[in-house]
Amino acid sequence: MDVRIGVKYSAKEISVELADDADREALKKQIGDALSDEDNVLWLSDKRGRDVAVPAGKITYVEIGSSNASKPIGFGG
């Protein structure tokens, strides 16, 4: 499952690829809890075991993709 996070004052977004068996509803709750206070930190662990921390006060949006979505390869037209 792919998660993309927009961050204030940055043109780039943070992209985290979670394990395929990640619980979508639990993830949405975790994100909602983190966003409930701008002093919180959203912690995510990618499928390689790396941890990513994003201060909630800097998050502009969070997009949760499907683990089943096909990913483009090469130069698409």
C-alpha atoms as a PDB file:
ATOM      1  CA  MET A   1       0.000   0.000   0.000  1.00  0.00           C
ATOM      2  CA  ASP A   2       1.387   3.399  -0.981  1.00  0.00           C
ATOM      3  CA  VAL A   3       1.033   6.486   1.212  1.00  0.00           C
ATOM      4  CA  ARG A   4       1.883   9.956  -0.089  1.00  0.00           C
ATOM      5  CA  ILE A   5       2.170  12.880   2.313  1.00  0.00           C
ATOM      6  CA  GLY A   6       2.227  16.518   1.298  1.00  0.00           C
ATOM      7  CA  VAL A   7       4.348  18.760   3.501  1.00  0.00           C
ATOM      8  CA  LYS A   8       4.052  22.549   3.972  1.00  0.00           C
ATOM      9  CA  TYR A   9       6.645  24.667   2.186  1.00  0.00           C
ATOM     10  CA  SER A  10       7.917  21.754   0.099  1.00  0.00           C
ATOM     11  CA  ALA A  11       7.208  21.016  -3.546  1.00  0.00           C
ATOM     12  CA  LYS A  12       8.093  17.353  -2.997  1.00  0.00           C
ATOM     13  CA  GLU A  13       5.909  14.881  -1.184  1.00  0.00           C
ATOM     14  CA  ILE A  14       6.915  12.030   1.089  1.00  0.00           C
ATOM     15  CA  SER A  15       6.155   8.622  -0.379  1.00  0.00           C
ATOM     16  CA  VAL A  16       6.088   5.534   1.841  1.00  0.00           C
ATOM     17  CA  GLU A  17       5.405   2.024   0.574  1.00  0.00           C
ATOM     18  CA  LEU A  18       3.803   0.015   3.365  1.00  0.00           C
ATOM     19  CA  ALA A  19       3.560  -3.762   3.566  1.00  0.00           C
ATOM     20  CA  ASP A  20       0.920  -5.257   1.268  1.00  0.00           C
ATOM     21  CA  ASP A  21      -0.958  -6.652   4.253  1.00  0.00           C
ATOM     22  CA  ALA A  22      -1.213  -3.274   6.041  1.00  0.00           C
ATOM     23  CA  ASP A  23      -4.656  -2.656   7.563  1.00  0.00           C
ATOM     24  CA  ARG A  24      -6.163   0.309   5.694  1.00  0.00           C
ATOM     25  CA  GLU A  25      -8.683   1.208   8.422  1.00  0.00           C
ATOM     26  CA  ALA A  26      -6.048   1.029  11.183  1.00  0.00           C
ATOM     27  CA  LEU A  27      -3.798   3.266   9.066  1.00  0.00           C
ATOM     28  CA  LYS A  28      -6.588   5.824   8.602  1.00  0.00           C
ATOM     29  CA  LYS A  29      -7.163   5.863  12.378  1.00  0.00           C
ATOM     30  CA  GLN A  30      -3.421   6.280  13.021  1.00  0.00           C
ATOM     31  CA  ILE A  31      -3.290   9.214  10.594  1.00  0.00           C
ATOM     32  CA  GLY A  32      -6.416  10.785  12.089  1.00  0.00           C
ATOM     33  CA  ASP A  33      -5.024  10.460  15.614  1.00  0.00           C
ATOM     34  CA  ALA A  34      -1.737  12.077  14.562  1.00  0.00           C
ATOM     35  CA  LEU A  35      -3.540  14.946  12.838  1.00  0.00           C
ATOM     36  CA  SER A  36      -5.728  15.669  15.866  1.00  0.00           C
ATOM     37  CA  ASP A  37      -2.988  17.896  17.330  1.00  0.00           C
ATOM     38  CA  GLU A  38      -0.312  19.732  15.375  1.00  0.00           C
ATOM     39  CA  ASP A  39       2.273  18.830  18.033  1.00  0.00           C
ATOM     40  CA  ASN A  40       1.850  15.107  17.265  1.00  0.00           C
ATOM     41  CA  VAL A  41       4.128  13.110  14.993  1.00  0.00           C
ATOM     42  CA  LEU A  42       2.920  10.639  12.365  1.00  0.00           C
ATOM     43  CA  TRP A  43       5.146   7.546  12.401  1.00  0.00           C
ATOM     44  CA  LEU A  44       4.985   5.052   9.533  1.00  0.00           C
ATOM     45  CA  SER A  45       7.108   1.949   8.915  1.00  0.00           C
ATOM     46  CA  ASP A  46       7.764   1.034   5.300  1.00  0.00           C
ATOM     47  CA  LYS A  47       7.895  -2.501   3.978  1.00  0.00           C
ATOM     48  CA  ARG A  48      11.695  -2.571   4.368  1.00  0.00           C
ATOM     49  CA  GLY A  49      11.457  -1.806   8.080  1.00  0.00           C
ATOM     50  CA  ARG A  50      12.493   1.845   7.888  1.00  0.00           C
ATOM     51  CA  ASP A  51      10.613   4.308  10.101  1.00  0.00           C
ATOM     52  CA  VAL A  52       9.441   7.674   8.786  1.00  0.00           C
ATOM     53  CA  ALA A  53       8.338  10.508  11.072  1.00  0.00           C
ATOM     54  CA  VAL A  54       6.402  13.556   9.897  1.00  0.00           C
ATOM     55  CA  PRO A  55       5.348  16.361  12.270  1.00  0.00           C
ATOM     56  CA  ALA A  56       1.548  16.629  12.090  1.00  0.00           C
ATOM     57  CA  GLY A  57       1.719  20.419  11.999  1.00  0.00           C
ATOM     58  CA  LYS A  58       3.582  20.256   8.665  1.00  0.00           C
ATOM     59  CA  ILE A  59       1.220  17.823   6.889  1.00  0.00           C
ATOM     60  CA  THR A  60      -0.996  19.335   4.191  1.00  0.00           C
ATOM     61  CA  TYR A  61      -2.546  16.106   2.865  1.00  0.00           C
ATOM     62  CA  VAL A  62      -2.284  12.334   3.067  1.00  0.00           C
ATOM     63  CA  GLU A  63      -3.176  10.088   0.134  1.00  0.00           C
ATOM     64  CA  ILE A  64      -3.579   6.360   0.694  1.00  0.00           C
ATOM     65  CA  GLY A  65      -3.209   4.281  -2.453  1.00  0.00           C
ATOM     66  CA  SER A  66      -4.285   0.739  -3.096  1.00  0.00           C
ATOM     67  CA  SER A  67      -1.902  -2.166  -2.762  1.00  0.00           C
ATOM     68  CA  ASN A  68      -3.532  -3.583  -5.913  1.00  0.00           C
ATOM     69  CA  ALA A  69      -2.945  -0.544  -8.091  1.00  0.00           C
ATOM     70  CA  SER A  70      -0.756  -1.174 -11.098  1.00  0.00           C
ATOM     71  CA  LYS A  71       2.406   0.897 -11.191  1.00  0.00           C
ATOM     72  CA  PRO A  72       3.566   2.385 -14.476  1.00  0.00           C
ATOM     73  CA  ILE A  73       6.926   1.196 -15.736  1.00  0.00           C
ATOM     74  CA  GLY A  74       9.161   3.099 -18.143  1.00  0.00           C
ATOM     75  CA  PHE A  75       8.139   6.135 -20.115  1.00  0.00           C
ATOM     76  CA  GLY A  76       4.343   6.236 -20.410  1.00  0.00           C
ATOM     77  CA  GLY A  77       2.639   8.366 -22.989  1.00  0.00           C
END
